[in-house]
Amino acid sequence: MTGLVKEGKRLTSHFAFPPGFIGFQGHFPQKQVLPGVCQIQCVLSLLEKGSGKAVVLKEVVLAKYFTPVFPDDEVTCVISDMGDTSEEFVVKAAISRATDKVSEMKLRVSHDKRETKR
């Protein structure tokens, strides 16, 4: 994760995954593709880093995947609406590569009251 920017309820950061990244191991050895679950984890990691609090994924409300992500592709993750962060809340996120839309999602999450991220 690089280039974290926080603007109100909007968080933005960049991610790149090298060819040896473990997430590529199960998806098409001849043409590695980043799994959707790793894209969801990008959103959760960005949310934790931006809020300084650990989060727990409660539900994938929506996940749409439009174009694959390959090793060394740099993608941009944008959380555009963090919703009400008091208890459970829904975040809206989009991942893109240059001008290509990679995925969009809505995730229901809550802050893990047992842990704080630094």
Protein backbone atom coordinates (compact mmCIF):
# COMPACT_ATOMS: atom_id res chain seq x y z
CA MET A 1 0.00 0.00 0.00
CA THR A 2 1.39 3.39 -0.99
CA GLY A 3 0.20 6.97 -1.27
CA LEU A 4 -2.57 6.97 1.33
CA VAL A 5 -4.75 10.08 0.99
CA LYS A 6 -7.61 10.87 3.36
CA GLU A 7 -10.19 13.52 2.37
CA GLY A 8 -13.27 13.58 4.59
CA LYS A 9 -15.07 10.24 4.11
CA ARG A 10 -12.86 9.35 1.14
CA LEU A 11 -9.70 7.23 1.31
CA THR A 12 -7.36 6.50 -1.61
CA SER A 13 -4.27 4.33 -1.89
CA HIS A 14 -2.29 2.31 -4.43
CA PHE A 15 -1.44 -1.40 -4.41
CA ALA A 16 0.83 -3.62 -6.50
CA PHE A 17 1.37 -7.36 -6.15
CA PRO A 18 4.63 -9.00 -7.32
CA PRO A 19 4.53 -12.27 -9.30
CA GLY A 20 5.53 -14.24 -6.18
CA PHE A 21 2.55 -12.96 -4.15
CA ILE A 22 0.87 -15.97 -2.53
CA GLY A 23 -2.58 -14.82 -3.68
CA PHE A 24 -1.66 -15.66 -7.29
CA GLN A 25 -0.88 -19.31 -6.53
CA GLY A 26 -4.38 -20.69 -6.97
CA HIS A 27 -5.50 -18.60 -9.92
CA PHE A 28 -4.33 -19.82 -13.29
CA PRO A 29 -0.60 -20.69 -12.98
CA GLN A 30 0.02 -19.91 -16.69
CA LYS A 31 -1.68 -16.49 -16.45
CA GLN A 32 -1.81 -15.30 -12.85
CA VAL A 33 -4.87 -13.26 -11.84
CA LEU A 34 -5.42 -11.50 -8.51
CA PRO A 35 -8.38 -13.16 -6.74
CA GLY A 36 -11.41 -11.08 -5.77
CA VAL A 37 -10.86 -11.87 -2.10
CA CYS A 38 -7.49 -10.10 -2.32
CA GLN A 39 -9.23 -7.04 -3.75
CA ILE A 40 -11.65 -7.11 -0.82
CA GLN A 41 -8.64 -7.30 1.51
CA CYS A 42 -7.19 -4.19 -0.17
CA VAL A 43 -10.33 -2.30 0.82
CA LEU A 44 -10.19 -3.60 4.39
CA SER A 45 -6.47 -2.78 4.70
CA LEU A 46 -7.03 0.74 3.39
CA LEU A 47 -9.92 1.25 5.79
CA GLU A 48 -7.83 0.06 8.75
CA LYS A 49 -4.85 2.22 7.81
CA GLY A 50 -7.02 5.27 7.15
CA SER A 51 -9.09 4.98 10.33
CA GLY A 52 -6.35 3.67 12.61
CA LYS A 53 -8.76 0.97 13.81
CA ALA A 54 -8.98 -2.75 13.08
CA VAL A 55 -12.08 -3.78 11.15
CA VAL A 56 -14.09 -6.98 10.87
CA LEU A 57 -15.78 -7.93 7.61
CA LYS A 58 -19.42 -8.75 8.33
CA GLU A 59 -20.85 -9.13 4.82
CA VAL A 60 -20.01 -8.65 1.18
CA VAL A 61 -23.10 -6.70 0.15
CA LEU A 62 -21.96 -6.27 -3.46
CA ALA A 63 -18.87 -7.28 -5.41
CA LYS A 64 -18.55 -6.79 -9.16
CA TYR A 65 -15.37 -7.61 -11.05
CA PHE A 66 -14.81 -6.09 -14.49
CA THR A 67 -11.22 -6.67 -15.53
CA PRO A 68 -8.41 -8.87 -14.17
CA VAL A 69 -5.38 -7.69 -12.21
CA PHE A 70 -2.05 -9.28 -13.14
CA PRO A 71 1.30 -9.39 -11.32
CA ASP A 72 2.98 -5.97 -10.97
CA ASP A 73 -0.15 -4.07 -12.09
CA GLU A 74 -0.60 -0.97 -9.95
CA VAL A 75 -4.20 -0.51 -8.90
CA THR A 76 -5.86 2.37 -7.10
CA CYS A 77 -8.35 1.66 -4.35
CA VAL A 78 -10.85 4.37 -3.46
CA ILE A 79 -13.28 4.16 -0.57
CA SER A 80 -15.80 6.82 -1.47
CA ASP A 81 -18.20 6.58 1.44
CA MET A 82 -17.32 5.22 4.85
CA GLY A 83 -20.90 5.58 6.11
CA ASP A 84 -21.74 5.73 9.79
CA THR A 85 -18.70 4.42 11.64
CA SER A 86 -20.33 4.06 15.07
CA GLU A 87 -21.25 0.34 14.91
CA GLU A 88 -21.65 -1.73 11.75
CA PHE A 89 -21.44 0.36 8.60
CA VAL A 90 -21.21 -0.06 4.84
CA VAL A 91 -18.24 1.15 2.80
CA LYS A 92 -18.41 1.72 -0.94
CA ALA A 93 -15.19 1.09 -2.79
CA ALA A 94 -13.82 0.96 -6.31
CA ILE A 95 -10.56 -0.43 -7.63
CA SER A 96 -9.12 0.76 -10.95
CA ARG A 97 -6.00 0.38 -13.05
CA ALA A 98 -5.13 3.48 -15.08
CA THR A 99 -8.42 4.16 -16.90
CA ASP A 100 -9.84 0.63 -16.47
CA LYS A 101 -12.47 -0.13 -13.85
CA VAL A 102 -11.32 -3.32 -12.07
CA SER A 103 -13.99 -3.82 -9.42
CA GLU A 104 -16.56 -2.14 -7.24
CA MET A 105 -17.95 -3.31 -3.94
CA LYS A 106 -20.00 -2.56 -0.89
CA LEU A 107 -18.83 -4.17 2.32
CA ARG A 108 -20.55 -4.25 5.70
CA VAL A 109 -17.89 -3.92 8.39
CA SER A 110 -17.49 -3.01 12.02
CA HIS A 111 -14.57 -1.83 14.07
CA ASP A 112 -12.92 -4.56 16.10
CA LYS A 113 -13.21 -3.16 19.60
CA ARG A 114 -10.47 -5.51 20.82
CA GLU A 115 -7.72 -4.11 18.60
CA THR A 116 -6.41 -0.77 17.33
CA LYS A 117 -4.17 -0.53 14.23
CA ARG A 118 -1.26 1.89 14.18
